[in-house]
PDB file of N, CA and C in Angstrom:
ATOM      1  N   PRO A   1       0.806  -1.205   0.000  1.00  0.00           N
ATOM      2  CA  PRO A   1       0.000   0.000   0.000  1.00  0.00           C
ATOM      3  C   PRO A   1       0.842   1.259   0.000  1.00  0.00           C
ATOM      4  N   PHE A   2       1.944   1.266   0.754  1.00  0.00           N
ATOM      5  CA  PHE A   2       2.748   2.478   0.794  1.00  0.00           C
ATOM      6  C   PHE A   2       3.353   2.763  -0.573  1.00  0.00           C
ATOM      7  N   ALA A   3       3.840   1.717  -1.248  1.00  0.00           N
ATOM      8  CA  ALA A   3       4.426   1.937  -2.575  1.00  0.00           C
ATOM      9  C   ALA A   3       3.382   2.529  -3.506  1.00  0.00           C
ATOM     10  N   ARG A   4       2.165   2.020  -3.426  1.00  0.00           N
ATOM     11  CA  ARG A   4       1.086   2.553  -4.265  1.00  0.00           C
ATOM     12  C   ARG A   4       0.810   4.006  -3.889  1.00  0.00           C
ATOM     13  N   GLN A   5       0.731   4.297  -2.594  1.00  0.00           N
ATOM     14  CA  GLN A   5       0.475   5.662  -2.143  1.00  0.00           C
ATOM     15  C   GLN A   5       1.607   6.583  -2.563  1.00  0.00           C
ATOM     16  N   LEU A   6       2.840   6.127  -2.421  1.00  0.00           N
ATOM     17  CA  LEU A   6       3.986   6.934  -2.810  1.00  0.00           C
ATOM     18  C   LEU A   6       3.961   7.211  -4.307  1.00  0.00           C
ATOM     19  N   ARG A   7       3.676   6.175  -5.100  1.00  0.00           N
ATOM     20  CA  ARG A   7       3.609   6.348  -6.549  1.00  0.00           C
ATOM     21  C   ARG A   7       2.528   7.348  -6.910  1.00  0.00           C
ATOM     22  N   ARG A   8       1.381   7.228  -6.263  1.00  0.00           N
ATOM     23  CA  ARG A   8       0.295   8.152  -6.562  1.00  0.00           C
ATOM     24  C   ARG A   8       0.633   9.568  -6.124  1.00  0.00           C
ATOM     25  N   SER A   9       1.437   9.667  -5.075  1.00  0.00           N
ATOM     26  CA  SER A   9       1.779  10.989  -4.559  1.00  0.00           C
ATOM     27  C   SER A   9       2.859  11.657  -5.389  1.00  0.00           C
ATOM     28  N   PHE A  10       3.980  10.943  -5.599  1.00  0.00           N
ATOM     29  CA  PHE A  10       5.059  11.592  -6.342  1.00  0.00           C
ATOM     30  C   PHE A  10       5.978  10.642  -7.085  1.00  0.00           C
ATOM     31  N   GLY A  11       5.646   9.347  -7.183  1.00  0.00           N
ATOM     32  CA  GLY A  11       6.455   8.406  -7.949  1.00  0.00           C
ATOM     33  C   GLY A  11       7.907   8.453  -7.538  1.00  0.00           C
ATOM     34  N   ALA A  12       8.802   8.370  -8.486  1.00  0.00           N
ATOM     35  CA  ALA A  12      10.223   8.576  -8.201  1.00  0.00           C
ATOM     36  C   ALA A  12      10.409  10.083  -8.114  1.00  0.00           C
ATOM     37  N   ALA A  13      10.812  10.556  -6.984  1.00  0.00           N
ATOM     38  CA  ALA A  13      10.782  11.996  -6.761  1.00  0.00           C
ATOM     39  C   ALA A  13      12.077  12.503  -6.160  1.00  0.00           C
ATOM     40  N   VAL A  14      12.318  13.761  -6.353  1.00  0.00           N
ATOM     41  CA  VAL A  14      13.411  14.451  -5.682  1.00  0.00           C
ATOM     42  C   VAL A  14      12.760  15.386  -4.667  1.00  0.00           C
ATOM     43  N   LEU A  15      13.148  15.250  -3.422  1.00  0.00           N
ATOM     44  CA  LEU A  15      12.558  16.029  -2.341  1.00  0.00           C
ATOM     45  C   LEU A  15      13.617  16.856  -1.644  1.00  0.00           C
ATOM     46  N   ARG A  16      13.215  17.946  -1.042  1.00  0.00           N
ATOM     47  CA  ARG A  16      14.110  18.656  -0.133  1.00  0.00           C
ATOM     48  C   ARG A  16      14.344  17.722   1.035  1.00  0.00           C
ATOM     49  N   ALA A  17      15.580  17.566   1.454  1.00  0.00           N
ATOM     50  CA  ALA A  17      15.899  16.632   2.537  1.00  0.00           C
ATOM     51  C   ALA A  17      15.297  17.114   3.854  1.00  0.00           C
ATOM     52  N   PRO A  18      14.312  16.387   4.392  1.00  0.00           N
ATOM     53  CA  PRO A  18      13.718  16.787   5.675  1.00  0.00           C
ATOM     54  C   PRO A  18      14.616  16.374   6.834  1.00  0.00           C
ATOM     55  N   ALA A  19      14.325  16.932   7.986  1.00  0.00           N
ATOM     56  CA  ALA A  19      15.078  16.545   9.181  1.00  0.00           C
ATOM     57  C   ALA A  19      14.831  15.079   9.493  1.00  0.00           C
ATOM     58  N   ARG A  20      13.594  14.621   9.261  1.00  0.00           N
ATOM     59  CA  ARG A  20      13.234  13.224   9.483  1.00  0.00           C
ATOM     60  C   ARG A  20      12.296  12.771   8.374  1.00  0.00           C
ATOM     61  N   LEU A  21      12.416  11.524   8.016  1.00  0.00           N
ATOM     62  CA  LEU A  21      11.540  10.959   6.999  1.00  0.00           C
ATOM     63  C   LEU A  21      11.168   9.557   7.439  1.00  0.00           C
ATOM     64  N   TRP A  22       9.874   9.245   7.421  1.00  0.00           N
ATOM     65  CA  TRP A  22       9.414   7.914   7.786  1.00  0.00           C
ATOM     66  C   TRP A  22       8.916   7.238   6.532  1.00  0.00           C
ATOM     67  N   ILE A  23       9.462   6.079   6.242  1.00  0.00           N
ATOM     68  CA  ILE A  23       9.000   5.286   5.112  1.00  0.00           C
ATOM     69  C   ILE A  23       8.478   3.973   5.671  1.00  0.00           C
ATOM     70  N   ASN A  24       7.217   3.720   5.441  1.00  0.00           N
ATOM     71  CA  ASN A  24       6.574   2.495   5.887  1.00  0.00           C
ATOM     72  C   ASN A  24       6.875   1.412   4.863  1.00  0.00           C
ATOM     73  N   ALA A  25       7.514   0.346   5.285  1.00  0.00           N
ATOM     74  CA  ALA A  25       7.889  -0.735   4.377  1.00  0.00           C
ATOM     75  C   ALA A  25       6.708  -1.598   3.966  1.00  0.00           C
ATOM     76  N   GLY A  26       5.573  -1.403   4.574  1.00  0.00           N
ATOM     77  CA  GLY A  26       4.415  -2.214   4.223  1.00  0.00           C
ATOM     78  C   GLY A  26       4.534  -3.606   4.816  1.00  0.00           C
ATOM     79  N   VAL A  27       4.013  -4.585   4.134  1.00  0.00           N
ATOM     80  CA  VAL A  27       4.026  -5.963   4.608  1.00  0.00           C
ATOM     81  C   VAL A  27       5.266  -6.645   4.050  1.00  0.00           C
ATOM     82  N   ILE A  28       6.262  -6.833   4.893  1.00  0.00           N
ATOM     83  CA  ILE A  28       7.520  -7.433   4.466  1.00  0.00           C
ATOM     84  C   ILE A  28       7.277  -8.871   4.011  1.00  0.00           C
ATOM     85  N   GLY A  29       7.786  -9.209   2.840  1.00  0.00           N
ATOM     86  CA  GLY A  29       7.689 -10.571   2.332  1.00  0.00           C
ATOM     87  C   GLY A  29       6.418 -10.868   1.562  1.00  0.00           C
ATOM     88  N   MET A  30       5.575  -9.865   1.351  1.00  0.00           N
ATOM     89  CA  MET A  30       4.332 -10.068   0.603  1.00  0.00           C
ATOM     90  C   MET A  30       4.350  -9.178  -0.638  1.00  0.00           C
ATOM     91  N   PRO A  31       3.669  -9.629  -1.699  1.00  0.00           N
ATOM     92  CA  PRO A  31       3.518  -8.732  -2.851  1.00  0.00           C
ATOM     93  C   PRO A  31       2.657  -7.534  -2.461  1.00  0.00           C
ATOM     94  N   ALA A  32       2.540  -6.585  -3.338  1.00  0.00           N
ATOM     95  CA  ALA A  32       1.900  -5.307  -3.020  1.00  0.00           C
ATOM     96  C   ALA A  32       0.383  -5.300  -3.202  1.00  0.00           C
ATOM     97  N   ASN A  33      -0.262  -6.469  -3.241  1.00  0.00           N
ATOM     98  CA  ASN A  33      -1.710  -6.552  -3.438  1.00  0.00           C
ATOM     99  C   ASN A  33      -2.107  -5.951  -4.777  1.00  0.00           C
ATOM    100  N   ASP A  34      -1.166  -6.019  -5.730  1.00  0.00           N
ATOM    101  CA  ASP A  34      -1.413  -5.399  -7.039  1.00  0.00           C
ATOM    102  C   ASP A  34      -1.631  -6.429  -8.153  1.00  0.00           C
ATOM    103  N   GLY A  35      -1.824  -7.696  -7.787  1.00  0.00           N
ATOM    104  CA  GLY A  35      -2.091  -8.724  -8.790  1.00  0.00           C
ATOM    105  C   GLY A  35      -0.852  -9.244  -9.493  1.00  0.00           C
ATOM    106  N   THR A  36       0.331  -8.864  -9.014  1.00  0.00           N
ATOM    107  CA  THR A  36       1.578  -9.390  -9.573  1.00  0.00           C
ATOM    108  C   THR A  36       2.357 -10.079  -8.458  1.00  0.00           C
ATOM    109  N   GLU A  37       3.290 -10.926  -8.825  1.00  0.00           N
ATOM    110  CA  GLU A  37       4.097 -11.655  -7.848  1.00  0.00           C
ATOM    111  C   GLU A  37       5.255 -10.821  -7.303  1.00  0.00           C
ATOM    112  N   ARG A  38       5.459  -9.637  -7.834  1.00  0.00           N
ATOM    113  CA  ARG A  38       6.628  -8.832  -7.452  1.00  0.00           C
ATOM    114  C   ARG A  38       6.550  -8.323  -6.022  1.00  0.00           C
ATOM    115  N   GLY A  39       7.719  -8.207  -5.419  1.00  0.00           N
ATOM    116  CA  GLY A  39       7.869  -7.445  -4.196  1.00  0.00           C
ATOM    117  C   GLY A  39       8.374  -6.061  -4.592  1.00  0.00           C
ATOM    118  N   TRP A  40       8.515  -5.169  -3.636  1.00  0.00           N
ATOM    119  CA  TRP A  40       8.966  -3.807  -3.928  1.00  0.00           C
ATOM    120  C   TRP A  40       9.950  -3.342  -2.878  1.00  0.00           C
ATOM    121  N   CYS A  41      10.829  -2.446  -3.277  1.00  0.00           N
ATOM    122  CA  CYS A  41      11.732  -1.802  -2.337  1.00  0.00           C
ATOM    123  C   CYS A  41      11.849  -0.333  -2.717  1.00  0.00           C
ATOM    124  N   MET A  42      12.320   0.445  -1.778  1.00  0.00           N
ATOM    125  CA  MET A  42      12.568   1.857  -2.031  1.00  0.00           C
ATOM    126  C   MET A  42      14.067   2.075  -1.996  1.00  0.00           C
ATOM    127  N   VAL A  43      14.567   2.822  -2.949  1.00  0.00           N
ATOM    128  CA  VAL A  43      15.983   3.173  -2.991  1.00  0.00           C
ATOM    129  C   VAL A  43      16.083   4.659  -2.667  1.00  0.00           C
ATOM    130  N   LEU A  44      16.801   4.959  -1.594  1.00  0.00           N
ATOM    131  CA  LEU A  44      16.979   6.339  -1.157  1.00  0.00           C
ATOM    132  C   LEU A  44      18.395   6.778  -1.466  1.00  0.00           C
ATOM    133  N   SER A  45      18.546   7.959  -2.000  1.00  0.00           N
ATOM    134  CA  SER A  45      19.880   8.511  -2.217  1.00  0.00           C
ATOM    135  C   SER A  45      19.815  10.009  -1.917  1.00  0.00           C
ATOM    136  N   SER A  46      20.961  10.546  -1.508  1.00  0.00           N
ATOM    137  CA  SER A  46      20.999  11.955  -1.139  1.00  0.00           C
ATOM    138  C   SER A  46      22.359  12.533  -1.513  1.00  0.00           C
ATOM    139  N   ASN A  47      22.341  13.798  -1.885  1.00  0.00           N
ATOM    140  CA  ASN A  47      23.602  14.495  -2.104  1.00  0.00           C
ATOM    141  C   ASN A  47      23.868  15.484  -0.968  1.00  0.00           C
ATOM    142  N   GLY A  48      23.094  15.363   0.107  1.00  0.00           N
ATOM    143  CA  GLY A  48      23.260  16.237   1.263  1.00  0.00           C
ATOM    144  C   GLY A  48      22.190  17.303   1.362  1.00  0.00           C
ATOM    145  N   THR A  49      21.635  17.732   0.222  1.00  0.00           N
ATOM    146  CA  THR A  49      20.587  18.752   0.260  1.00  0.00           C
ATOM    147  C   THR A  49      19.269  18.253  -0.322  1.00  0.00           C
ATOM    148  N   THR A  50      19.326  17.288  -1.204  1.00  0.00           N
ATOM    149  CA  THR A  50      18.102  16.723  -1.765  1.00  0.00           C
ATOM    150  C   THR A  50      18.089  15.220  -1.535  1.00  0.00           C
ATOM    151  N   LEU A  51      16.896  14.692  -1.469  1.00  0.00           N
ATOM    152  CA  LEU A  51      16.698  13.272  -1.254  1.00  0.00           C
ATOM    153  C   LEU A  51      15.961  12.722  -2.459  1.00  0.00           C
ATOM    154  N   ARG A  52      16.481  11.673  -3.049  1.00  0.00           N
ATOM    155  CA  ARG A  52      15.809  11.011  -4.168  1.00  0.00           C
ATOM    156  C   ARG A  52      15.231   9.703  -3.646  1.00  0.00           C
ATOM    157  N   VAL A  53      13.948   9.498  -3.920  1.00  0.00           N
ATOM    158  CA  VAL A  53      13.250   8.289  -3.520  1.00  0.00           C
ATOM    159  C   VAL A  53      12.757   7.605  -4.791  1.00  0.00           C
ATOM    160  N   ALA A  54      13.148   6.361  -4.986  1.00  0.00           N
ATOM    161  CA  ALA A  54      12.710   5.612  -6.164  1.00  0.00           C
ATOM    162  C   ALA A  54      12.242   4.236  -5.730  1.00  0.00           C
ATOM    163  N   GLN A  55      11.120   3.796  -6.280  1.00  0.00           N
ATOM    164  CA  GLN A  55      10.663   2.448  -5.966  1.00  0.00           C
ATOM    165  C   GLN A  55      11.114   1.506  -7.069  1.00  0.00           C
ATOM    166  N   ARG A  56      11.485   0.299  -6.683  1.00  0.00           N
ATOM    167  CA  ARG A  56      11.985  -0.704  -7.615  1.00  0.00           C
ATOM    168  C   ARG A  56      11.267  -2.024  -7.372  1.00  0.00           C
ATOM    169  N   ALA A  57      10.906  -2.683  -8.440  1.00  0.00           N
ATOM    170  CA  ALA A  57      10.299  -4.015  -8.339  1.00  0.00           C
ATOM    171  C   ALA A  57      11.375  -5.034  -7.995  1.00  0.00           C
ATOM    172  N   LEU A  58      10.988  -6.016  -7.171  1.00  0.00           N
ATOM    173  CA  LEU A  58      11.876  -7.125  -6.826  1.00  0.00           C
ATOM    174  C   LEU A  58      11.254  -8.407  -7.365  1.00  0.00           C
ATOM    175  N   HIS A  59      11.960  -9.052  -8.257  1.00  0.00           N
ATOM    176  CA  HIS A  59      11.488 -10.316  -8.805  1.00  0.00           C
ATOM    177  C   HIS A  59      12.186 -11.435  -8.041  1.00  0.00           C
ATOM    178  N   TYR A  60      11.444 -12.459  -7.685  1.00  0.00           N
ATOM    179  CA  TYR A  60      11.980 -13.550  -6.881  1.00  0.00           C
ATOM    180  C   TYR A  60      11.261 -14.842  -7.287  1.00  0.00           C
ATOM    181  N   ASN A  61      11.689 -15.964  -6.736  1.00  0.00           N
ATOM    182  CA  ASN A  61      11.090 -17.251  -7.036  1.00  0.00           C
ATOM    183  C   ASN A  61       9.827 -17.425  -6.198  1.00  0.00           C
ATOM    184  N   SER A  62       8.737 -16.845  -6.646  1.00  0.00           N
ATOM    185  CA  SER A  62       7.489 -16.906  -5.881  1.00  0.00           C
ATOM    186  C   SER A  62       6.941 -18.326  -5.815  1.00  0.00           C
ATOM    187  N   SER A  63       7.144 -19.095  -6.846  1.00  0.00           N
ATOM    188  CA  SER A  63       6.685 -20.486  -6.832  1.00  0.00           C
ATOM    189  C   SER A  63       7.422 -21.286  -5.754  1.00  0.00           C
ATOM    190  N   GLY A  64       8.745 -21.133  -5.706  1.00  0.00           N
ATOM    191  CA  GLY A  64       9.532 -21.833  -4.691  1.00  0.00           C
ATOM    192  C   GLY A  64       9.178 -21.378  -3.282  1.00  0.00           C
ATOM    193  N   ALA A  65       8.953 -20.078  -3.119  1.00  0.00           N
ATOM    194  CA  ALA A  65       8.589 -19.548  -1.796  1.00  0.00           C
ATOM    195  C   ALA A  65       7.234 -20.087  -1.357  1.00  0.00           C
ATOM    196  N   SER A  66       6.271 -20.125  -2.280  1.00  0.00           N
ATOM    197  CA  SER A  66       4.947 -20.634  -1.901  1.00  0.00           C
ATOM    198  C   SER A  66       5.008 -22.133  -1.608  1.00  0.00           C
ATOM    199  N   GLN A  67       5.800 -22.869  -2.367  1.00  0.00           N
ATOM    200  CA  GLN A  67       5.935 -24.308  -2.100  1.00  0.00           C
ATOM    201  C   GLN A  67       6.558 -24.554  -0.721  1.00  0.00           C
ATOM    202  N   ALA A  68       7.485 -23.697  -0.316  1.00  0.00           N
ATOM    203  CA  ALA A  68       8.091 -23.830   1.012  1.00  0.00           C
ATOM    204  C   ALA A  68       7.041 -23.622   2.102  1.00  0.00           C
ATOM    205  N   ILE A  69       6.104 -22.710   1.891  1.00  0.00           N
ATOM    206  CA  ILE A  69       5.018 -22.505   2.858  1.00  0.00           C
ATOM    207  C   ILE A  69       4.091 -23.714   2.864  1.00  0.00           C
ATOM    208  N   PHE A  70       3.711 -24.186   1.671  1.00  0.00           N
ATOM    209  CA  PHE A  70       2.823 -25.352   1.583  1.00  0.00           C
ATOM    210  C   PHE A  70       3.434 -26.590   2.247  1.00  0.00           C
ATOM    211  N   ALA A  71       4.761 -26.674   2.278  1.00  0.00           N
ATOM    212  CA  ALA A  71       5.442 -27.839   2.840  1.00  0.00           C
ATOM    213  C   ALA A  71       5.376 -27.899   4.362  1.00  0.00           C
ATOM    214  N   VAL A  72       5.004 -26.801   5.004  1.00  0.00           N
ATOM    215  CA  VAL A  72       4.917 -26.767   6.467  1.00  0.00           C
ATOM    216  C   VAL A  72       3.432 -26.685   6.842  1.00  0.00           C
ATOM    217  N   PRO A  73       2.880 -27.778   7.365  1.00  0.00           N
ATOM    218  CA  PRO A  73       1.423 -27.855   7.581  1.00  0.00           C
ATOM    219  C   PRO A  73       0.814 -26.754   8.446  1.00  0.00           C
ATOM    220  N   HIS A  74       1.516 -26.229   9.433  1.00  0.00           N
ATOM    221  CA  HIS A  74       0.901 -25.243  10.327  1.00  0.00           C
ATOM    222  C   HIS A  74       1.007 -23.798   9.831  1.00  0.00           C
ATOM    223  N   LEU A  75       1.643 -23.565   8.688  1.00  0.00           N
ATOM    224  CA  LEU A  75       1.702 -22.200   8.154  1.00  0.00           C
ATOM    225  C   LEU A  75       0.418 -21.876   7.391  1.00  0.00           C
ATOM    226  N   VAL A  76       0.057 -20.604   7.360  1.00  0.00           N
ATOM    227  CA  VAL A  76      -1.185 -20.153   6.738  1.00  0.00           C
ATOM    228  C   VAL A  76      -1.085 -20.264   5.220  1.00  0.00           C
ATOM    229  N   ARG A  77      -1.969 -21.027   4.628  1.00  0.00           N
ATOM    230  CA  ARG A  77      -1.980 -21.263   3.177  1.00  0.00           C
ATOM    231  C   ARG A  77      -2.296 -19.990   2.382  1.00  0.00           C
ATOM    232  N   GLY A  78      -3.076 -19.105   2.968  1.00  0.00           N
ATOM    233  CA  GLY A  78      -3.434 -17.869   2.270  1.00  0.00           C
ATOM    234  C   GLY A  78      -2.229 -17.045   1.876  1.00  0.00           C
ATOM    235  N   TYR A  79      -1.172 -17.097   2.678  1.00  0.00           N
ATOM    236  CA  TYR A  79       0.037 -16.346   2.335  1.00  0.00           C
ATOM    237  C   TYR A  79       0.751 -16.971   1.142  1.00  0.00           C
ATOM    238  N   ALA A  80       0.768 -18.284   1.070  1.00  0.00           N
ATOM    239  CA  ALA A  80       1.370 -18.959  -0.084  1.00  0.00           C
ATOM    240  C   ALA A  80       0.600 -18.618  -1.349  1.00  0.00           C
ATOM    241  N   ASP A  81      -0.725 -18.642  -1.268  1.00  0.00           N
ATOM    242  CA  ASP A  81      -1.553 -18.271  -2.419  1.00  0.00           C
ATOM    243  C   ASP A  81      -1.278 -16.833  -2.847  1.00  0.00           C
ATOM    244  N   SER A  82      -1.095 -15.962  -1.858  1.00  0.00           N
ATOM    245  CA  SER A  82      -0.845 -14.549  -2.137  1.00  0.00           C
ATOM    246  C   SER A  82       0.462 -14.336  -2.896  1.00  0.00           C
ATOM    247  N   LEU A  83       1.478 -15.119  -2.577  1.00  0.00           N
ATOM    248  CA  LEU A  83       2.756 -14.996  -3.284  1.00  0.00           C
ATOM    249  C   LEU A  83       2.592 -15.290  -4.767  1.00  0.00           C
ATOM    250  N   LEU A  84       1.660 -16.160  -5.105  1.00  0.00           N
ATOM    251  CA  LEU A  84       1.422 -16.527  -6.509  1.00  0.00           C
ATOM    252  C   LEU A  84       0.436 -15.600  -7.201  1.00  0.00           C
ATOM    253  N   SER A  85      -0.581 -15.157  -6.475  1.00  0.00           N
ATOM    254  CA  SER A  85      -1.627 -14.341  -7.103  1.00  0.00           C
ATOM    255  C   SER A  85      -1.337 -12.850  -7.038  1.00  0.00           C
ATOM    256  N   GLY A  86      -0.515 -12.429  -6.065  1.00  0.00           N
ATOM    257  CA  GLY A  86      -0.277 -11.009  -5.869  1.00  0.00           C
ATOM    258  C   GLY A  86      -1.422 -10.304  -5.169  1.00  0.00           C
ATOM    259  N   ILE A  87      -2.388 -11.070  -4.655  1.00  0.00           N
ATOM    260  CA  ILE A  87      -3.544 -10.515  -3.946  1.00  0.00           C
ATOM    261  C   ILE A  87      -3.477 -10.970  -2.493  1.00  0.00           C
ATOM    262  N   TRP A  88      -3.635 -10.054  -1.571  1.00  0.00           N
ATOM    263  CA  TRP A  88      -3.553 -10.375  -0.146  1.00  0.00           C
ATOM    264  C   TRP A  88      -4.720 -11.260   0.279  1.00  0.00           C
ATOM    265  N   PRO A  89      -4.489 -12.122   1.275  1.00  0.00           N
ATOM    266  CA  PRO A  89      -5.546 -13.034   1.708  1.00  0.00           C
ATOM    267  C   PRO A  89      -6.656 -12.364   2.518  1.00  0.00           C
ATOM    268  N   SER A  90      -6.410 -11.209   3.104  1.00  0.00           N
ATOM    269  CA  SER A  90      -7.456 -10.537   3.883  1.00  0.00           C
ATOM    270  C   SER A  90      -7.517  -9.075   3.480  1.00  0.00           C
ATOM    271  N   HIS A  91      -8.701  -8.652   3.080  1.00  0.00           N
ATOM    272  CA  HIS A  91      -8.896  -7.268   2.660  1.00  0.00           C
ATOM    273  C   HIS A  91      -9.640  -6.449   3.698  1.00  0.00           C
ATOM    274  N   ASP A  92     -10.227  -7.117   4.670  1.00  0.00           N
ATOM    275  CA  ASP A  92     -11.066  -6.415   5.641  1.00  0.00           C
ATOM    276  C   ASP A  92     -10.289  -5.418   6.491  1.00  0.00           C
ATOM    277  N   VAL A  93      -8.969  -5.566   6.564  1.00  0.00           N
ATOM    278  CA  VAL A  93      -8.168  -4.646   7.377  1.00  0.00           C
ATOM    279  C   VAL A  93      -7.704  -3.422   6.577  1.00  0.00           C
ATOM    280  N   LEU A  94      -7.941  -3.424   5.284  1.00  0.00           N
ATOM    281  CA  LEU A  94      -7.471  -2.333   4.423  1.00  0.00           C
ATOM    282  C   LEU A  94      -8.461  -1.179   4.381  1.00  0.00           C
ATOM    283  N   PRO A  95      -7.951   0.047   4.244  1.00  0.00           N
ATOM    284  CA  PRO A  95      -8.851   1.182   4.001  1.00  0.00           C
ATOM    285  C   PRO A  95      -9.607   0.956   2.684  1.00  0.00           C
ATOM    286  N   LEU A  96     -10.778   1.529   2.550  1.00  0.00           N
ATOM    287  CA  LEU A  96     -11.629   1.321   1.381  1.00  0.00           C
ATOM    288  C   LEU A  96     -10.889   1.624   0.073  1.00  0.00           C
ATOM    289  N   GLU A  97     -10.113   2.717   0.044  1.00  0.00           N
ATOM    290  CA  GLU A  97      -9.385   3.075  -1.179  1.00  0.00           C
ATOM    291  C   GLU A  97      -8.436   1.956  -1.600  1.00  0.00           C
ATOM    292  N   GLU A  98      -7.753   1.333  -0.654  1.00  0.00           N
ATOM    293  CA  GLU A  98      -6.848   0.229  -0.957  1.00  0.00           C
ATOM    294  C   GLU A  98      -7.620  -1.019  -1.384  1.00  0.00           C
ATOM    295  N   GLN A  99      -8.759  -1.257  -0.774  1.00  0.00           N
ATOM    296  CA  GLN A  99      -9.584  -2.391  -1.198  1.00  0.00           C
ATOM    297  C   GLN A  99      -9.984  -2.229  -2.653  1.00  0.00           C
ATOM    298  N   MET A 100     -10.350  -1.021  -3.039  1.00  0.00           N
ATOM    299  CA  MET A 100     -10.791  -0.760  -4.411  1.00  0.00           C
ATOM    300  C   MET A 100      -9.641  -0.854  -5.413  1.00  0.00           C
ATOM    301  N   ALA A 101      -8.400  -0.652  -4.949  1.00  0.00           N
ATOM    302  CA  ALA A 101      -7.233  -0.701  -5.845  1.00  0.00           C
ATOM    303  C   ALA A 101      -6.629  -2.106  -5.935  1.00  0.00           C
ATOM    304  N   THR A 102      -7.206  -3.081  -5.236  1.00  0.00           N
ATOM    305  CA  THR A 102      -6.698  -4.449  -5.272  1.00  0.00           C
ATOM    306  C   THR A 102      -6.587  -4.936  -6.706  1.00  0.00           C
ATOM    307  N   GLY A 103      -5.443  -5.505  -7.053  1.00  0.00           N
ATOM    308  CA  GLY A 103      -5.220  -6.055  -8.377  1.00  0.00           C
ATOM    309  C   GLY A 103      -4.765  -5.059  -9.420  1.00  0.00           C
ATOM    310  N   GLU A 104      -4.654  -3.786  -9.067  1.00  0.00           N
ATOM    311  CA  GLU A 104      -4.189  -2.763 -10.003  1.00  0.00           C
ATOM    312  C   GLU A 104      -2.666  -2.757  -9.993  1.00  0.00           C
ATOM    313  N   PRO A 105      -2.009  -3.215 -11.072  1.00  0.00           N
ATOM    314  CA  PRO A 105      -0.536  -3.300 -11.068  1.00  0.00           C
ATOM    315  C   PRO A 105       0.128  -1.946 -10.841  1.00  0.00           C
ATOM    316  N   ILE A 106       1.130  -1.962  -9.987  1.00  0.00           N
ATOM    317  CA  ILE A 106       1.944  -0.769  -9.716  1.00  0.00           C
ATOM    318  C   ILE A 106       3.021  -0.686 -10.783  1.00  0.00           C
ATOM    319  N   GLN A 107       3.295   0.501 -11.251  1.00  0.00           N
ATOM    320  CA  GLN A 107       4.334   0.730 -12.261  1.00  0.00           C
ATOM    321  C   GLN A 107       5.573   1.304 -11.591  1.00  0.00           C
ATOM    322  N   GLU A 108       6.752   0.939 -12.126  1.00  0.00           N
ATOM    323  CA  GLU A 108       7.988   1.535 -11.613  1.00  0.00           C
ATOM    324  C   GLU A 108       8.097   2.950 -12.087  1.00  0.00           C
TER     325      GLU A 108
END
């Protein structure tokens, strides 16, 4: 959700370097609820006066990761399914705007 919000707000952007900046990593180890298997990361760089924030897609072996979850009987199957579908197993905890954006692929 944060990557989607950041993209909607300013995408890859150059900002005046604030005294403090909080970046919410979202759900670590899960796709972005955008209908793709990709994970995401933020790359921060600074020259001392400006801060550049860029989001990057992370491609990984989602099939192997989901099979590892399926191999352990007490782990939640919904998370394994999510790694393959790119859709989170529970939407009831999301704000309405995020629920409505489910399955909308995020662009780099």
